[in-house]
N, C-alpha and C. Protein backbone atom coordinates (compact mmCIF):
# COMPACT_ATOMS: atom_id res chain seq x y z
N MET A 1 -150.55 -76.53 -33.39
CA MET A 1 -150.01 -77.01 -34.65
C MET A 1 -148.49 -77.06 -34.52
N ALA A 2 -147.93 -78.15 -35.00
CA ALA A 2 -146.48 -78.33 -35.01
C ALA A 2 -145.99 -78.40 -36.45
N ALA A 3 -144.71 -78.11 -36.63
CA ALA A 3 -144.15 -78.12 -37.98
C ALA A 3 -142.73 -78.65 -37.97
N VAL A 4 -142.37 -79.29 -39.06
CA VAL A 4 -141.00 -79.70 -39.33
C VAL A 4 -140.53 -78.90 -40.54
N VAL A 5 -139.33 -78.36 -40.45
CA VAL A 5 -138.71 -77.65 -41.57
C VAL A 5 -137.41 -78.38 -41.88
N ASN A 6 -137.33 -78.91 -43.09
CA ASN A 6 -136.11 -79.58 -43.55
C ASN A 6 -135.57 -78.81 -44.75
N VAL A 7 -134.30 -78.47 -44.71
CA VAL A 7 -133.64 -77.84 -45.85
C VAL A 7 -132.69 -78.86 -46.45
N LEU A 8 -132.92 -79.18 -47.72
CA LEU A 8 -132.16 -80.20 -48.43
C LEU A 8 -131.27 -79.55 -49.47
N HIS A 9 -129.98 -79.87 -49.45
CA HIS A 9 -129.01 -79.34 -50.41
C HIS A 9 -128.55 -80.50 -51.30
N PHE A 10 -128.95 -80.47 -52.56
CA PHE A 10 -128.65 -81.54 -53.51
C PHE A 10 -127.32 -81.31 -54.22
N LYS A 11 -126.68 -82.40 -54.62
CA LYS A 11 -125.41 -82.33 -55.36
C LYS A 11 -125.62 -81.74 -56.75
N GLU A 12 -126.73 -82.11 -57.37
CA GLU A 12 -127.06 -81.71 -58.74
C GLU A 12 -128.43 -81.04 -58.75
N PRO A 13 -128.80 -80.33 -59.83
CA PRO A 13 -130.15 -79.79 -59.93
C PRO A 13 -131.19 -80.91 -59.70
N VAL A 14 -132.22 -80.58 -58.96
CA VAL A 14 -133.22 -81.57 -58.58
C VAL A 14 -134.06 -81.97 -59.79
N ASP A 15 -134.17 -83.26 -60.01
CA ASP A 15 -135.01 -83.80 -61.08
C ASP A 15 -136.47 -83.71 -60.64
N PRO A 16 -137.34 -83.02 -61.39
CA PRO A 16 -138.75 -82.90 -61.01
C PRO A 16 -139.46 -84.24 -60.80
N SER A 17 -138.95 -85.30 -61.40
CA SER A 17 -139.60 -86.60 -61.21
C SER A 17 -139.52 -87.06 -59.75
N LEU A 18 -138.56 -86.54 -59.01
CA LEU A 18 -138.48 -86.86 -57.58
C LEU A 18 -139.73 -86.38 -56.86
N PHE A 19 -140.23 -85.19 -57.22
CA PHE A 19 -141.44 -84.66 -56.60
C PHE A 19 -142.68 -85.45 -57.03
N THR A 20 -142.69 -85.88 -58.27
CA THR A 20 -143.80 -86.69 -58.77
C THR A 20 -143.88 -87.99 -57.97
N ARG A 21 -142.75 -88.64 -57.80
CA ARG A 21 -142.71 -89.89 -57.05
C ARG A 21 -143.13 -89.67 -55.60
N ALA A 22 -142.66 -88.58 -55.00
CA ALA A 22 -143.04 -88.28 -53.61
C ALA A 22 -144.54 -88.09 -53.50
N THR A 23 -145.13 -87.39 -54.46
CA THR A 23 -146.57 -87.17 -54.45
C THR A 23 -147.33 -88.49 -54.55
N GLU A 24 -146.85 -89.37 -55.39
CA GLU A 24 -147.53 -90.65 -55.60
C GLU A 24 -147.30 -91.64 -54.46
N GLU A 25 -146.09 -91.64 -53.90
CA GLU A 25 -145.72 -92.67 -52.93
C GLU A 25 -145.83 -92.23 -51.47
N LEU A 26 -145.57 -90.97 -51.18
CA LEU A 26 -145.58 -90.50 -49.79
C LEU A 26 -146.89 -89.89 -49.35
N VAL A 27 -147.45 -89.02 -50.16
CA VAL A 27 -148.63 -88.25 -49.76
C VAL A 27 -149.79 -89.15 -49.32
N PRO A 28 -150.15 -90.20 -50.07
CA PRO A 28 -151.26 -91.05 -49.60
C PRO A 28 -150.99 -91.68 -48.24
N ARG A 29 -149.75 -92.08 -47.99
CA ARG A 29 -149.41 -92.70 -46.70
C ARG A 29 -149.40 -91.67 -45.58
N MET A 30 -148.98 -90.44 -45.88
CA MET A 30 -149.00 -89.38 -44.87
C MET A 30 -150.43 -89.08 -44.44
N ARG A 31 -151.33 -89.06 -45.41
CA ARG A 31 -152.73 -88.76 -45.13
C ARG A 31 -153.39 -89.80 -44.23
N GLU A 32 -152.85 -91.00 -44.20
CA GLU A 32 -153.41 -92.05 -43.35
C GLU A 32 -153.12 -91.83 -41.87
N ILE A 33 -152.19 -90.97 -41.55
CA ILE A 33 -151.81 -90.72 -40.15
C ILE A 33 -152.71 -89.62 -39.59
N ALA A 34 -153.49 -89.98 -38.58
CA ALA A 34 -154.39 -89.01 -37.94
C ALA A 34 -153.58 -87.85 -37.37
N GLY A 35 -154.00 -86.65 -37.69
CA GLY A 35 -153.32 -85.46 -37.20
C GLY A 35 -152.36 -84.84 -38.19
N PHE A 36 -152.05 -85.57 -39.28
CA PHE A 36 -151.22 -84.98 -40.34
C PHE A 36 -152.04 -83.89 -41.00
N GLU A 37 -151.45 -82.72 -41.19
CA GLU A 37 -152.17 -81.58 -41.74
C GLU A 37 -151.79 -81.26 -43.18
N ALA A 38 -150.50 -81.08 -43.45
CA ALA A 38 -150.11 -80.60 -44.77
C ALA A 38 -148.63 -80.82 -45.02
N LEU A 39 -148.29 -80.82 -46.29
CA LEU A 39 -146.91 -80.88 -46.75
C LEU A 39 -146.74 -79.78 -47.79
N GLN A 40 -145.70 -78.99 -47.62
CA GLN A 40 -145.34 -77.98 -48.61
C GLN A 40 -143.91 -78.27 -49.04
N VAL A 41 -143.65 -78.20 -50.32
CA VAL A 41 -142.30 -78.37 -50.85
C VAL A 41 -141.97 -77.09 -51.62
N VAL A 42 -140.90 -76.42 -51.19
CA VAL A 42 -140.51 -75.16 -51.81
C VAL A 42 -139.11 -75.33 -52.40
N GLN A 43 -139.01 -75.18 -53.71
CA GLN A 43 -137.70 -75.25 -54.35
C GLN A 43 -137.13 -73.84 -54.38
N THR A 44 -136.08 -73.61 -53.59
CA THR A 44 -135.50 -72.27 -53.45
C THR A 44 -134.35 -72.00 -54.42
N SER A 45 -133.82 -73.06 -55.01
CA SER A 45 -132.81 -72.92 -56.07
C SER A 45 -132.78 -74.24 -56.82
N GLU A 46 -131.95 -74.33 -57.83
CA GLU A 46 -131.86 -75.59 -58.59
C GLU A 46 -131.45 -76.76 -57.71
N THR A 47 -130.69 -76.47 -56.66
CA THR A 47 -130.15 -77.54 -55.82
C THR A 47 -130.60 -77.48 -54.36
N GLU A 48 -131.57 -76.63 -54.05
CA GLU A 48 -132.04 -76.54 -52.66
C GLU A 48 -133.56 -76.65 -52.62
N VAL A 49 -134.03 -77.47 -51.68
CA VAL A 49 -135.47 -77.68 -51.49
C VAL A 49 -135.76 -77.59 -50.00
N VAL A 50 -136.86 -76.92 -49.66
CA VAL A 50 -137.30 -76.82 -48.28
C VAL A 50 -138.60 -77.60 -48.14
N LEU A 51 -138.63 -78.54 -47.19
CA LEU A 51 -139.84 -79.30 -46.89
C LEU A 51 -140.47 -78.73 -45.64
N LEU A 52 -141.75 -78.44 -45.70
CA LEU A 52 -142.52 -77.97 -44.55
C LEU A 52 -143.62 -79.01 -44.31
N ILE A 53 -143.59 -79.63 -43.16
CA ILE A 53 -144.56 -80.68 -42.85
C ILE A 53 -145.30 -80.24 -41.59
N PHE A 54 -146.63 -80.25 -41.66
CA PHE A 54 -147.46 -79.75 -40.57
C PHE A 54 -148.32 -80.87 -39.98
N GLY A 55 -148.46 -80.84 -38.67
CA GLY A 55 -149.30 -81.81 -37.99
C GLY A 55 -149.85 -81.22 -36.71
N ASP A 56 -150.82 -81.91 -36.12
CA ASP A 56 -151.43 -81.43 -34.89
C ASP A 56 -150.43 -81.31 -33.74
N THR A 57 -149.50 -82.27 -33.67
CA THR A 57 -148.53 -82.31 -32.57
C THR A 57 -147.17 -82.78 -33.09
N VAL A 58 -146.15 -82.59 -32.27
CA VAL A 58 -144.83 -83.10 -32.60
C VAL A 58 -144.88 -84.63 -32.69
N ALA A 59 -145.68 -85.26 -31.84
CA ALA A 59 -145.81 -86.72 -31.88
C ALA A 59 -146.34 -87.19 -33.23
N VAL A 60 -147.28 -86.47 -33.80
CA VAL A 60 -147.80 -86.81 -35.13
C VAL A 60 -146.67 -86.70 -36.16
N LEU A 61 -145.89 -85.65 -36.09
CA LEU A 61 -144.78 -85.47 -37.03
C LEU A 61 -143.74 -86.56 -36.87
N ASP A 62 -143.51 -87.00 -35.63
CA ASP A 62 -142.59 -88.12 -35.40
C ASP A 62 -143.11 -89.38 -36.07
N ARG A 63 -144.43 -89.62 -36.00
CA ARG A 63 -145.03 -90.78 -36.68
C ARG A 63 -144.87 -90.67 -38.18
N VAL A 64 -145.11 -89.49 -38.73
CA VAL A 64 -144.94 -89.29 -40.17
C VAL A 64 -143.51 -89.64 -40.58
N ALA A 65 -142.55 -89.18 -39.79
CA ALA A 65 -141.15 -89.45 -40.11
C ALA A 65 -140.82 -90.94 -39.99
N THR A 66 -141.19 -91.54 -38.89
CA THR A 66 -140.79 -92.93 -38.66
C THR A 66 -141.58 -93.93 -39.49
N GLU A 67 -142.87 -93.69 -39.69
CA GLU A 67 -143.71 -94.65 -40.40
C GLU A 67 -143.71 -94.45 -41.91
N VAL A 68 -143.37 -93.25 -42.37
CA VAL A 68 -143.48 -92.95 -43.80
C VAL A 68 -142.19 -92.37 -44.37
N GLY A 69 -141.76 -91.26 -43.84
CA GLY A 69 -140.72 -90.47 -44.49
C GLY A 69 -139.31 -91.00 -44.44
N SER A 70 -138.88 -91.49 -43.29
CA SER A 70 -137.47 -91.83 -43.14
C SER A 70 -136.98 -92.88 -44.13
N ARG A 71 -137.72 -93.94 -44.30
CA ARG A 71 -137.29 -95.00 -45.22
C ARG A 71 -137.27 -94.50 -46.66
N TRP A 72 -138.32 -93.77 -47.07
CA TRP A 72 -138.40 -93.28 -48.45
C TRP A 72 -137.30 -92.25 -48.71
N MET A 73 -137.11 -91.33 -47.76
CA MET A 73 -136.07 -90.31 -47.93
C MET A 73 -134.69 -90.96 -47.97
N GLY A 74 -134.47 -91.95 -47.12
CA GLY A 74 -133.18 -92.63 -47.10
C GLY A 74 -132.86 -93.32 -48.41
N ALA A 75 -133.87 -93.88 -49.03
CA ALA A 75 -133.66 -94.60 -50.29
C ALA A 75 -133.63 -93.68 -51.50
N ASN A 76 -134.41 -92.60 -51.49
CA ASN A 76 -134.61 -91.79 -52.69
C ASN A 76 -133.99 -90.40 -52.68
N VAL A 77 -133.71 -89.87 -51.50
CA VAL A 77 -133.24 -88.48 -51.40
C VAL A 77 -131.82 -88.40 -50.84
N VAL A 78 -131.58 -89.06 -49.73
CA VAL A 78 -130.28 -88.94 -49.06
C VAL A 78 -129.09 -89.19 -50.00
N PRO A 79 -129.14 -90.20 -50.88
CA PRO A 79 -128.00 -90.41 -51.78
C PRO A 79 -127.74 -89.24 -52.74
N LEU A 80 -128.74 -88.38 -52.94
CA LEU A 80 -128.61 -87.25 -53.86
C LEU A 80 -128.13 -85.97 -53.18
N LEU A 81 -128.02 -85.99 -51.86
CA LEU A 81 -127.69 -84.78 -51.12
C LEU A 81 -126.19 -84.50 -51.08
N ALA A 82 -125.86 -83.22 -51.12
CA ALA A 82 -124.47 -82.77 -51.02
C ALA A 82 -124.03 -82.72 -49.56
N ALA A 83 -124.97 -82.54 -48.67
CA ALA A 83 -124.68 -82.44 -47.24
C ALA A 83 -125.88 -82.94 -46.46
N ARG A 84 -125.67 -83.16 -45.20
CA ARG A 84 -126.76 -83.59 -44.31
C ARG A 84 -127.85 -82.52 -44.29
N ALA A 85 -129.10 -82.93 -44.30
CA ALA A 85 -130.22 -81.99 -44.28
C ALA A 85 -130.27 -81.24 -42.96
N THR A 86 -130.69 -79.98 -43.03
CA THR A 86 -130.96 -79.20 -41.82
C THR A 86 -132.38 -79.54 -41.40
N HIS A 87 -132.57 -79.88 -40.14
CA HIS A 87 -133.87 -80.35 -39.66
C HIS A 87 -134.25 -79.57 -38.40
N ARG A 88 -135.44 -78.97 -38.40
CA ARG A 88 -135.95 -78.26 -37.23
C ARG A 88 -137.41 -78.64 -37.02
N THR A 89 -137.78 -78.80 -35.76
CA THR A 89 -139.16 -79.07 -35.39
C THR A 89 -139.58 -78.02 -34.38
N GLY A 90 -140.80 -77.51 -34.52
CA GLY A 90 -141.28 -76.51 -33.57
C GLY A 90 -142.79 -76.39 -33.62
N HIS A 91 -143.29 -75.47 -32.84
CA HIS A 91 -144.73 -75.22 -32.78
C HIS A 91 -145.04 -73.92 -33.52
N SER A 92 -146.12 -73.93 -34.26
CA SER A 92 -146.55 -72.76 -35.00
C SER A 92 -147.01 -71.68 -34.03
N VAL A 93 -146.48 -70.47 -34.18
CA VAL A 93 -146.88 -69.37 -33.32
C VAL A 93 -147.83 -68.40 -34.03
N LEU A 94 -147.96 -68.54 -35.34
CA LEU A 94 -148.88 -67.72 -36.11
C LEU A 94 -149.25 -68.49 -37.37
N ARG A 95 -150.55 -68.52 -37.64
CA ARG A 95 -151.01 -69.19 -38.85
C ARG A 95 -152.09 -68.33 -39.49
N LEU A 96 -151.87 -67.96 -40.71
CA LEU A 96 -152.84 -67.16 -41.46
C LEU A 96 -153.68 -68.11 -42.28
N GLY A 97 -154.98 -67.97 -42.28
CA GLY A 97 -155.89 -68.90 -42.94
C GLY A 97 -155.96 -68.72 -44.44
N VAL A 98 -154.84 -68.89 -45.12
CA VAL A 98 -154.79 -68.77 -46.57
C VAL A 98 -154.47 -70.14 -47.14
N ARG A 99 -155.20 -70.54 -48.17
CA ARG A 99 -154.93 -71.81 -48.84
C ARG A 99 -153.70 -71.65 -49.72
N LEU A 100 -152.67 -72.46 -49.44
CA LEU A 100 -151.43 -72.36 -50.20
C LEU A 100 -151.25 -73.49 -51.20
N LEU A 101 -152.13 -74.48 -51.18
CA LEU A 101 -151.97 -75.63 -52.07
C LEU A 101 -152.52 -75.32 -53.46
N PRO A 102 -151.65 -75.31 -54.46
CA PRO A 102 -152.11 -75.00 -55.81
C PRO A 102 -152.77 -76.20 -56.48
N ALA A 103 -153.58 -75.92 -57.48
CA ALA A 103 -154.18 -76.99 -58.27
C ALA A 103 -153.14 -77.61 -59.19
N LYS A 104 -152.12 -76.86 -59.53
CA LYS A 104 -151.04 -77.37 -60.39
C LYS A 104 -149.73 -76.77 -59.91
N LEU A 105 -148.71 -77.60 -59.81
CA LEU A 105 -147.40 -77.14 -59.40
C LEU A 105 -146.54 -76.89 -60.63
N ALA A 106 -145.74 -75.83 -60.59
CA ALA A 106 -144.82 -75.54 -61.69
C ALA A 106 -143.40 -75.56 -61.15
N TRP A 107 -142.51 -76.25 -61.84
CA TRP A 107 -141.11 -76.34 -61.42
C TRP A 107 -140.29 -75.36 -62.22
N SER A 108 -139.08 -75.12 -61.75
CA SER A 108 -138.21 -74.12 -62.37
C SER A 108 -137.87 -74.45 -63.83
N ASP A 109 -137.96 -75.72 -64.22
CA ASP A 109 -137.65 -76.07 -65.61
C ASP A 109 -138.86 -75.91 -66.53
N GLY A 110 -139.98 -75.42 -65.99
CA GLY A 110 -141.18 -75.20 -66.79
C GLY A 110 -142.14 -76.37 -66.79
N SER A 111 -141.75 -77.52 -66.25
CA SER A 111 -142.67 -78.66 -66.20
C SER A 111 -143.71 -78.42 -65.11
N THR A 112 -144.83 -79.11 -65.23
CA THR A 112 -145.90 -78.95 -64.25
C THR A 112 -146.35 -80.31 -63.75
N LEU A 113 -147.04 -80.29 -62.62
CA LEU A 113 -147.54 -81.51 -62.00
C LEU A 113 -148.87 -81.18 -61.35
N SER A 114 -149.86 -81.99 -61.60
CA SER A 114 -151.14 -81.86 -60.92
C SER A 114 -151.24 -82.98 -59.89
N PRO A 115 -150.93 -82.68 -58.63
CA PRO A 115 -150.95 -83.73 -57.62
C PRO A 115 -152.35 -84.33 -57.47
N PRO A 116 -152.43 -85.64 -57.26
CA PRO A 116 -153.73 -86.27 -57.11
C PRO A 116 -154.47 -85.72 -55.92
N ARG A 117 -155.73 -85.42 -56.10
CA ARG A 117 -156.67 -84.99 -55.09
C ARG A 117 -156.42 -83.59 -54.53
N TRP A 118 -155.26 -82.99 -54.76
CA TRP A 118 -155.06 -81.65 -54.22
C TRP A 118 -156.02 -80.66 -54.83
N SER A 119 -156.18 -80.71 -56.15
CA SER A 119 -157.04 -79.72 -56.78
C SER A 119 -158.48 -79.88 -56.34
N GLU A 120 -158.96 -81.11 -56.18
CA GLU A 120 -160.35 -81.27 -55.74
C GLU A 120 -160.52 -80.81 -54.30
N GLU A 121 -159.50 -80.94 -53.45
CA GLU A 121 -159.59 -80.42 -52.08
C GLU A 121 -159.64 -78.91 -52.09
N VAL A 122 -158.83 -78.27 -52.91
CA VAL A 122 -158.84 -76.81 -52.98
C VAL A 122 -160.17 -76.32 -53.50
N ASN A 123 -160.72 -77.00 -54.51
CA ASN A 123 -162.00 -76.57 -55.08
C ASN A 123 -163.17 -76.77 -54.13
N ARG A 124 -163.10 -77.75 -53.22
CA ARG A 124 -164.18 -77.99 -52.26
C ARG A 124 -164.18 -76.96 -51.15
N ALA A 125 -163.02 -76.37 -50.87
CA ALA A 125 -162.88 -75.47 -49.71
C ALA A 125 -163.70 -74.22 -49.87
């Protein structure tokens, strides 16, 4: 298993609608790439977000970036950043078999989002 870790530092507090759009526009396209495993988005402060993207291999993650992520991020995220994102790619050395995908996501402003199909996948497991 390979992973990409991106740390994004925004100029202003992150608008939760950005995550809604990513869920609607990116996630279905990511799922079309064989070997894509998971996406986790962790908001660590009002202006910092960590993206964790998992795939079978680094090559799969490169496909996710080039075929899906780079154009969308360039158009929708990069203009909002205070600095260049920190980007790391590596191989997973330990994985605990715990389901981390919630049926509903809650943002720091109290709003919630039920990503399409995530809850049904969690319930089937």
